[in-house]
Amino acid sequence: MKSYTQLVDSKASETDIRRYLVEGERVSVTMRIPDTLRDAAKEEAALRGMSFSAFVRTCMIEELAKKGH
């Protein structure tokens, strides 16, 4: 399986990059962010009808999938 960098370097389609990013096992991640950023993100997630975790994943996928395009 190619790595993310290899996909970008090979000019893979955005769809292929998105597919790569959502596959794989789930892992726990701990990060420290300002409470105001967390609260704003939780509010935005609720407005979109999704969880905070889903919102963060969506933002990351959006940013990573457009790289190189």
N, C-alpha and C. Protein backbone atom coordinates (compact mmCIF):
# COMPACT_ATOMS: atom_id res chain seq x y z
N MET A 1 0.84 -1.18 0.00
CA MET A 1 0.00 0.00 0.00
C MET A 1 0.89 1.24 0.00
N LYS A 2 0.53 2.21 -0.81
CA LYS A 2 1.28 3.46 -0.88
C LYS A 2 1.03 4.30 0.37
N SER A 3 1.98 5.15 0.67
CA SER A 3 1.79 6.11 1.77
C SER A 3 1.07 7.34 1.23
N TYR A 4 0.64 8.19 2.12
CA TYR A 4 -0.02 9.43 1.73
C TYR A 4 0.89 10.25 0.82
N THR A 5 2.15 10.39 1.20
CA THR A 5 3.10 11.18 0.40
C THR A 5 3.28 10.59 -0.99
N GLN A 6 3.34 9.28 -1.08
CA GLN A 6 3.47 8.64 -2.38
C GLN A 6 2.24 8.91 -3.26
N LEU A 7 1.06 8.89 -2.65
CA LEU A 7 -0.15 9.19 -3.40
C LEU A 7 -0.12 10.61 -3.96
N VAL A 8 0.26 11.55 -3.12
CA VAL A 8 0.32 12.95 -3.56
C VAL A 8 1.37 13.11 -4.65
N ASP A 9 2.55 12.51 -4.43
CA ASP A 9 3.64 12.62 -5.41
C ASP A 9 3.27 11.99 -6.75
N SER A 10 2.44 10.95 -6.71
CA SER A 10 2.05 10.28 -7.95
C SER A 10 0.85 10.94 -8.62
N LYS A 11 0.42 12.08 -8.06
CA LYS A 11 -0.72 12.83 -8.61
C LYS A 11 -2.01 12.00 -8.62
N ALA A 12 -2.21 11.22 -7.53
CA ALA A 12 -3.43 10.43 -7.39
C ALA A 12 -4.64 11.36 -7.38
N SER A 13 -5.78 10.84 -7.76
CA SER A 13 -7.00 11.65 -7.76
C SER A 13 -7.40 11.98 -6.32
N GLU A 14 -8.19 13.03 -6.19
CA GLU A 14 -8.69 13.41 -4.87
C GLU A 14 -9.51 12.27 -4.27
N THR A 15 -10.25 11.57 -5.10
CA THR A 15 -11.06 10.44 -4.63
C THR A 15 -10.17 9.35 -4.05
N ASP A 16 -9.07 9.03 -4.73
CA ASP A 16 -8.15 8.00 -4.23
C ASP A 16 -7.50 8.43 -2.92
N ILE A 17 -7.15 9.70 -2.83
CA ILE A 17 -6.55 10.20 -1.58
C ILE A 17 -7.56 10.13 -0.45
N ARG A 18 -8.80 10.54 -0.71
CA ARG A 18 -9.85 10.46 0.32
C ARG A 18 -10.07 9.01 0.76
N ARG A 19 -10.11 8.10 -0.20
CA ARG A 19 -10.29 6.68 0.12
C ARG A 19 -9.18 6.20 1.05
N TYR A 20 -7.95 6.57 0.72
CA TYR A 20 -6.81 6.18 1.54
C TYR A 20 -6.95 6.73 2.97
N LEU A 21 -7.36 7.99 3.08
CA LEU A 21 -7.44 8.64 4.38
C LEU A 21 -8.51 8.06 5.29
N VAL A 22 -9.59 7.52 4.74
CA VAL A 22 -10.66 6.99 5.60
C VAL A 22 -10.49 5.50 5.90
N GLU A 23 -9.61 4.84 5.17
CA GLU A 23 -9.37 3.43 5.44
C GLU A 23 -8.41 3.30 6.62
N GLY A 24 -8.34 2.13 7.18
CA GLY A 24 -7.39 1.89 8.27
C GLY A 24 -8.09 1.79 9.61
N GLU A 25 -7.32 1.36 10.57
CA GLU A 25 -7.85 1.17 11.92
C GLU A 25 -8.01 2.51 12.62
N ARG A 26 -8.94 2.58 13.52
CA ARG A 26 -9.15 3.78 14.34
C ARG A 26 -8.11 3.77 15.46
N VAL A 27 -7.55 4.93 15.75
CA VAL A 27 -6.59 5.09 16.84
C VAL A 27 -7.00 6.30 17.67
N SER A 28 -6.64 6.28 18.92
CA SER A 28 -6.92 7.42 19.80
C SER A 28 -5.81 8.46 19.64
N VAL A 29 -6.21 9.72 19.69
CA VAL A 29 -5.26 10.82 19.58
C VAL A 29 -5.58 11.82 20.68
N THR A 30 -4.55 12.28 21.36
CA THR A 30 -4.71 13.32 22.37
C THR A 30 -3.97 14.55 21.91
N MET A 31 -4.65 15.69 21.91
CA MET A 31 -3.97 16.92 21.55
C MET A 31 -4.46 18.04 22.45
N ARG A 32 -3.64 19.03 22.60
CA ARG A 32 -3.98 20.15 23.44
C ARG A 32 -4.28 21.35 22.56
N ILE A 33 -5.49 21.89 22.74
CA ILE A 33 -5.92 23.06 21.99
C ILE A 33 -6.60 24.03 22.96
N PRO A 34 -6.68 25.28 22.60
CA PRO A 34 -7.38 26.22 23.48
C PRO A 34 -8.84 25.83 23.65
N ASP A 35 -9.37 26.06 24.84
CA ASP A 35 -10.76 25.69 25.09
C ASP A 35 -11.72 26.45 24.18
N THR A 36 -11.36 27.66 23.81
CA THR A 36 -12.23 28.43 22.92
C THR A 36 -12.32 27.79 21.53
N LEU A 37 -11.19 27.23 21.05
CA LEU A 37 -11.19 26.54 19.77
C LEU A 37 -12.02 25.26 19.85
N ARG A 38 -11.84 24.51 20.93
CA ARG A 38 -12.64 23.29 21.14
C ARG A 38 -14.12 23.61 21.20
N ASP A 39 -14.48 24.62 21.97
CA ASP A 39 -15.89 24.96 22.12
C ASP A 39 -16.51 25.42 20.80
N ALA A 40 -15.77 26.23 20.05
CA ALA A 40 -16.27 26.69 18.76
C ALA A 40 -16.45 25.51 17.81
N ALA A 41 -15.50 24.60 17.80
CA ALA A 41 -15.59 23.42 16.93
C ALA A 41 -16.75 22.52 17.35
N LYS A 42 -16.98 22.37 18.65
CA LYS A 42 -18.11 21.57 19.12
C LYS A 42 -19.43 22.20 18.69
N GLU A 43 -19.52 23.53 18.76
CA GLU A 43 -20.73 24.22 18.34
C GLU A 43 -20.96 24.05 16.84
N GLU A 44 -19.91 24.21 16.06
CA GLU A 44 -20.03 24.04 14.61
C GLU A 44 -20.42 22.61 14.26
N ALA A 45 -19.82 21.64 14.94
CA ALA A 45 -20.16 20.23 14.71
C ALA A 45 -21.64 19.99 14.99
N ALA A 46 -22.14 20.54 16.09
CA ALA A 46 -23.54 20.37 16.44
C ALA A 46 -24.45 20.99 15.38
N LEU A 47 -24.07 22.16 14.86
CA LEU A 47 -24.86 22.80 13.81
C LEU A 47 -24.92 21.94 12.56
N ARG A 48 -23.87 21.16 12.33
CA ARG A 48 -23.82 20.27 11.16
C ARG A 48 -24.40 18.89 11.45
N GLY A 49 -24.81 18.66 12.69
CA GLY A 49 -25.39 17.38 13.05
C GLY A 49 -24.37 16.26 13.15
N MET A 50 -23.16 16.61 13.58
CA MET A 50 -22.12 15.58 13.70
C MET A 50 -21.40 15.75 15.03
N SER A 51 -20.64 14.74 15.38
CA SER A 51 -19.86 14.79 16.62
C SER A 51 -18.62 15.65 16.41
N PHE A 52 -18.02 16.05 17.51
CA PHE A 52 -16.77 16.80 17.47
C PHE A 52 -15.70 16.00 16.73
N SER A 53 -15.59 14.71 17.05
CA SER A 53 -14.57 13.86 16.40
C SER A 53 -14.80 13.77 14.90
N ALA A 54 -16.04 13.60 14.50
CA ALA A 54 -16.34 13.53 13.06
C ALA A 54 -16.01 14.84 12.38
N PHE A 55 -16.28 15.96 13.05
CA PHE A 55 -15.96 17.27 12.49
C PHE A 55 -14.46 17.42 12.29
N VAL A 56 -13.69 17.05 13.29
CA VAL A 56 -12.22 17.15 13.19
C VAL A 56 -11.71 16.26 12.07
N ARG A 57 -12.22 15.03 11.98
CA ARG A 57 -11.79 14.12 10.90
C ARG A 57 -12.14 14.72 9.54
N THR A 58 -13.33 15.26 9.42
CA THR A 58 -13.76 15.86 8.16
C THR A 58 -12.84 17.02 7.76
N CYS A 59 -12.52 17.87 8.70
CA CYS A 59 -11.62 19.00 8.41
C CYS A 59 -10.25 18.51 7.96
N MET A 60 -9.73 17.50 8.63
CA MET A 60 -8.42 16.96 8.26
C MET A 60 -8.46 16.34 6.87
N ILE A 61 -9.49 15.57 6.58
CA ILE A 61 -9.62 14.93 5.27
C ILE A 61 -9.72 15.98 4.18
N GLU A 62 -10.56 17.01 4.41
CA GLU A 62 -10.69 18.08 3.42
C GLU A 62 -9.34 18.72 3.10
N GLU A 63 -8.59 19.03 4.12
CA GLU A 63 -7.30 19.70 3.94
C GLU A 63 -6.29 18.79 3.25
N LEU A 64 -6.22 17.54 3.68
CA LEU A 64 -5.24 16.61 3.11
C LEU A 64 -5.59 16.15 1.70
N ALA A 65 -6.88 16.03 1.40
CA ALA A 65 -7.30 15.54 0.09
C ALA A 65 -7.05 16.56 -1.01
N LYS A 66 -7.06 17.85 -0.66
CA LYS A 66 -6.85 18.86 -1.70
C LYS A 66 -5.38 19.15 -1.96
N LYS A 67 -4.49 18.57 -1.15
CA LYS A 67 -3.05 18.82 -1.31
C LYS A 67 -2.61 18.35 -2.69
N GLY A 68 -1.90 19.20 -3.37
CA GLY A 68 -1.40 18.84 -4.69
C GLY A 68 -2.40 19.02 -5.80
N HIS A 69 -3.61 19.49 -5.46
CA HIS A 69 -4.63 19.70 -6.50
C HIS A 69 -4.93 21.16 -6.66
